[in-house]
Amino acid sequence: MQKNFRKRIITQIGILTSDIQASKTIWEKFLGLPVQPISESDGYEITHASYRDQPLNGRIYQVCFNFENIELELIQPIGDTPSYWKECLIKDGPGIHHISFAVKNMDACIADCEALGLTLTQKGDFNGGSYAYLDAKESMNVILELLYKEQEVLS
């Protein structure tokens, strides 16, 4: 699978929260940053997302803090629509949700991970890329996110 990972680069750590405003304020103070914007994910008509092989209508609020080497993403599910974010928040509470790896070929990486026994739980598109969550909690104690971004493919 190494050939499908972009130089084995961890690109992001995702943290689930039940209160995005409070969480971002604490992180802004800790990092000494000005107020960061909260964005809202797109709906199904743009993301074509799926959750456990069903169309995903769930959306999130998110804030990203970019560092030289990694991005910290705060995530709050919107409402009660089923999603992997909501499932994990209910089951495990707020905290680290995923570790993201940059990938070159999303489909090949998903297939490689499934061959290792990991379960694809959610995937979707966003402007300029796509993502996939794989449940590796039993074997690796974490959720893995495969993250493809068009601008990073050229580097």
Protein backbone atom coordinates (compact mmCIF):
# COMPACT_ATOMS: atom_id res chain seq x y z
CA MET A 1 0.00 0.00 0.00
CA GLN A 2 2.95 2.36 0.48
CA LYS A 3 2.98 3.17 -3.24
CA ASN A 4 -0.49 4.74 -2.86
CA PHE A 5 0.42 6.94 0.10
CA ARG A 6 2.02 10.30 -0.68
CA LYS A 7 5.43 9.76 0.95
CA ARG A 8 3.60 8.43 4.04
CA ILE A 9 2.50 11.95 4.91
CA ILE A 10 0.12 12.46 7.80
CA THR A 11 -1.82 15.54 6.73
CA GLN A 12 -4.42 16.04 9.43
CA ILE A 13 -5.67 15.19 12.89
CA GLY A 14 -9.44 15.46 13.28
CA ILE A 15 -11.07 16.21 16.62
CA LEU A 16 -14.80 15.77 17.26
CA THR A 17 -16.60 18.29 19.42
CA SER A 18 -20.17 18.88 20.50
CA ASP A 19 -19.56 22.66 20.67
CA ILE A 20 -17.48 23.98 17.77
CA GLN A 21 -17.58 27.59 18.99
CA ALA A 22 -16.23 26.77 22.45
CA SER A 23 -13.62 24.36 21.07
CA LYS A 24 -12.31 26.77 18.45
CA THR A 25 -12.09 29.59 21.00
CA ILE A 26 -9.96 27.43 23.30
CA TRP A 27 -7.69 26.38 20.41
CA GLU A 28 -7.38 29.98 19.18
CA LYS A 29 -6.27 31.10 22.65
CA PHE A 30 -3.89 28.17 23.05
CA LEU A 31 -2.32 28.75 19.63
CA GLY A 32 -2.36 32.54 19.90
CA LEU A 33 -4.37 32.89 16.71
CA PRO A 34 -7.01 35.42 15.70
CA VAL A 35 -10.62 34.31 15.31
CA GLN A 36 -10.87 31.55 12.72
CA PRO A 37 -13.95 31.07 10.52
CA ILE A 38 -16.34 28.17 11.01
CA SER A 39 -17.34 26.58 7.73
CA GLU A 40 -20.19 24.23 6.92
CA SER A 41 -19.77 21.15 4.74
CA ASP A 42 -21.66 20.84 1.49
CA GLY A 43 -24.74 18.67 1.11
CA TYR A 44 -25.13 15.35 -0.67
CA GLU A 45 -25.73 16.94 -4.09
CA ILE A 46 -22.08 18.10 -4.05
CA THR A 47 -20.34 15.53 -1.81
CA HIS A 48 -22.00 12.35 -3.13
CA ALA A 49 -21.05 11.04 0.30
CA SER A 50 -22.00 7.67 1.70
CA TYR A 51 -22.18 6.38 5.26
CA ARG A 52 -22.19 2.61 5.70
CA ASP A 53 -23.05 2.25 1.99
CA GLN A 54 -26.06 4.57 2.20
CA PRO A 55 -26.34 8.15 0.88
CA LEU A 56 -25.05 10.56 3.53
CA ASN A 57 -27.13 13.65 4.17
CA GLY A 58 -25.25 14.52 7.37
CA ARG A 59 -23.25 17.71 7.44
CA ILE A 60 -20.67 19.23 9.76
CA TYR A 61 -19.35 22.51 11.06
CA GLN A 62 -15.58 22.58 10.83
CA VAL A 63 -12.61 24.78 11.63
CA CYS A 64 -9.11 24.07 10.36
CA PHE A 65 -5.89 25.28 11.92
CA ASN A 66 -3.01 24.95 9.46
CA PHE A 67 0.54 24.38 10.63
CA GLU A 68 3.68 24.00 8.52
CA ASN A 69 3.45 20.23 8.58
CA ILE A 70 -0.13 19.29 9.49
CA GLU A 71 -3.70 20.50 9.79
CA LEU A 72 -5.83 20.31 12.92
CA GLU A 73 -9.53 19.98 12.08
CA LEU A 74 -12.33 20.55 14.58
CA ILE A 75 -15.59 18.83 13.61
CA GLN A 76 -19.12 19.16 14.97
CA PRO A 77 -21.95 17.15 13.38
CA ILE A 78 -24.97 19.29 12.50
CA GLY A 79 -28.27 18.01 13.91
CA ASP A 80 -29.18 14.38 14.38
CA THR A 81 -28.72 13.11 10.83
CA PRO A 82 -26.80 9.80 10.90
CA SER A 83 -23.13 10.03 9.96
CA TYR A 84 -19.87 8.49 11.11
CA TRP A 85 -19.12 11.76 12.90
CA LYS A 86 -22.39 11.54 14.84
CA GLU A 87 -21.92 7.82 15.52
CA CYS A 88 -18.44 8.38 16.98
CA LEU A 89 -19.50 11.42 19.01
CA ILE A 90 -22.36 9.44 20.60
CA LYS A 91 -20.25 6.30 21.16
CA ASP A 92 -16.90 7.80 22.20
CA GLY A 93 -17.66 11.42 23.08
CA PRO A 94 -15.58 14.44 22.05
CA GLY A 95 -11.91 13.90 21.25
CA ILE A 96 -9.59 12.69 18.54
CA HIS A 97 -11.61 11.29 15.66
CA HIS A 98 -9.11 10.48 12.92
CA ILE A 99 -5.61 10.65 11.55
CA SER A 100 -5.43 11.53 7.83
CA PHE A 101 -2.98 10.23 5.28
CA ALA A 102 -2.42 11.88 1.89
CA VAL A 103 -3.13 9.45 -0.94
CA LYS A 104 -2.58 9.47 -4.68
CA ASN A 105 -5.19 6.90 -5.69
CA MET A 106 -8.23 6.80 -3.41
CA ASP A 107 -9.82 3.64 -4.85
CA ALA A 108 -6.56 1.68 -4.70
CA CYS A 109 -5.91 2.77 -1.11
CA ILE A 110 -9.43 1.84 -0.02
CA ALA A 111 -9.02 -1.58 -1.63
CA ASP A 112 -5.63 -2.06 0.06
CA CYS A 113 -7.07 -1.11 3.45
CA GLU A 114 -10.08 -3.39 3.03
CA ALA A 115 -7.68 -6.23 2.13
CA LEU A 116 -6.05 -5.62 5.53
CA GLY A 117 -9.45 -6.07 7.20
CA LEU A 118 -10.31 -2.39 7.71
CA THR A 119 -13.92 -1.34 7.14
CA LEU A 120 -14.86 1.61 4.94
CA THR A 121 -17.46 3.53 6.95
CA GLN A 122 -17.85 6.84 5.16
CA LYS A 123 -16.54 8.57 2.05
CA GLY A 124 -17.26 11.65 0.00
CA ASP A 125 -16.05 14.48 -2.15
CA PHE A 126 -15.30 18.12 -1.45
CA ASN A 127 -14.15 20.99 -3.62
CA GLY A 128 -10.71 19.87 -4.80
CA GLY A 129 -10.62 16.37 -3.40
CA SER A 130 -12.14 13.42 -1.62
CA TYR A 131 -11.94 11.57 1.69
CA ALA A 132 -12.63 8.12 3.10
CA TYR A 133 -12.86 6.97 6.73
CA LEU A 134 -11.74 3.45 7.57
CA ASP A 135 -12.46 1.89 10.94
CA ALA A 136 -9.18 0.61 12.35
CA LYS A 137 -10.24 0.86 16.00
CA GLU A 138 -9.91 -2.85 16.76
CA SER A 139 -6.54 -3.35 15.11
CA MET A 140 -4.91 0.09 15.42
CA ASN A 141 -7.07 1.94 18.00
CA VAL A 142 -7.88 4.73 15.55
CA ILE A 143 -9.97 5.80 12.59
CA LEU A 144 -7.89 6.34 9.47
CA GLU A 145 -8.82 8.97 6.92
CA LEU A 146 -7.53 8.73 3.38
CA LEU A 147 -7.34 12.24 1.97
CA TYR A 148 -6.92 13.10 -1.69
CA LYS A 149 -6.38 16.74 -2.64
CA GLU A 150 -5.90 17.70 -6.28
CA GLN A 151 -3.33 20.44 -5.59
CA GLU A 152 -1.12 18.04 -3.61
CA VAL A 153 -0.92 15.47 -6.42
CA LEU A 154 1.48 17.65 -8.40
CA SER A 155 3.95 18.03 -5.55
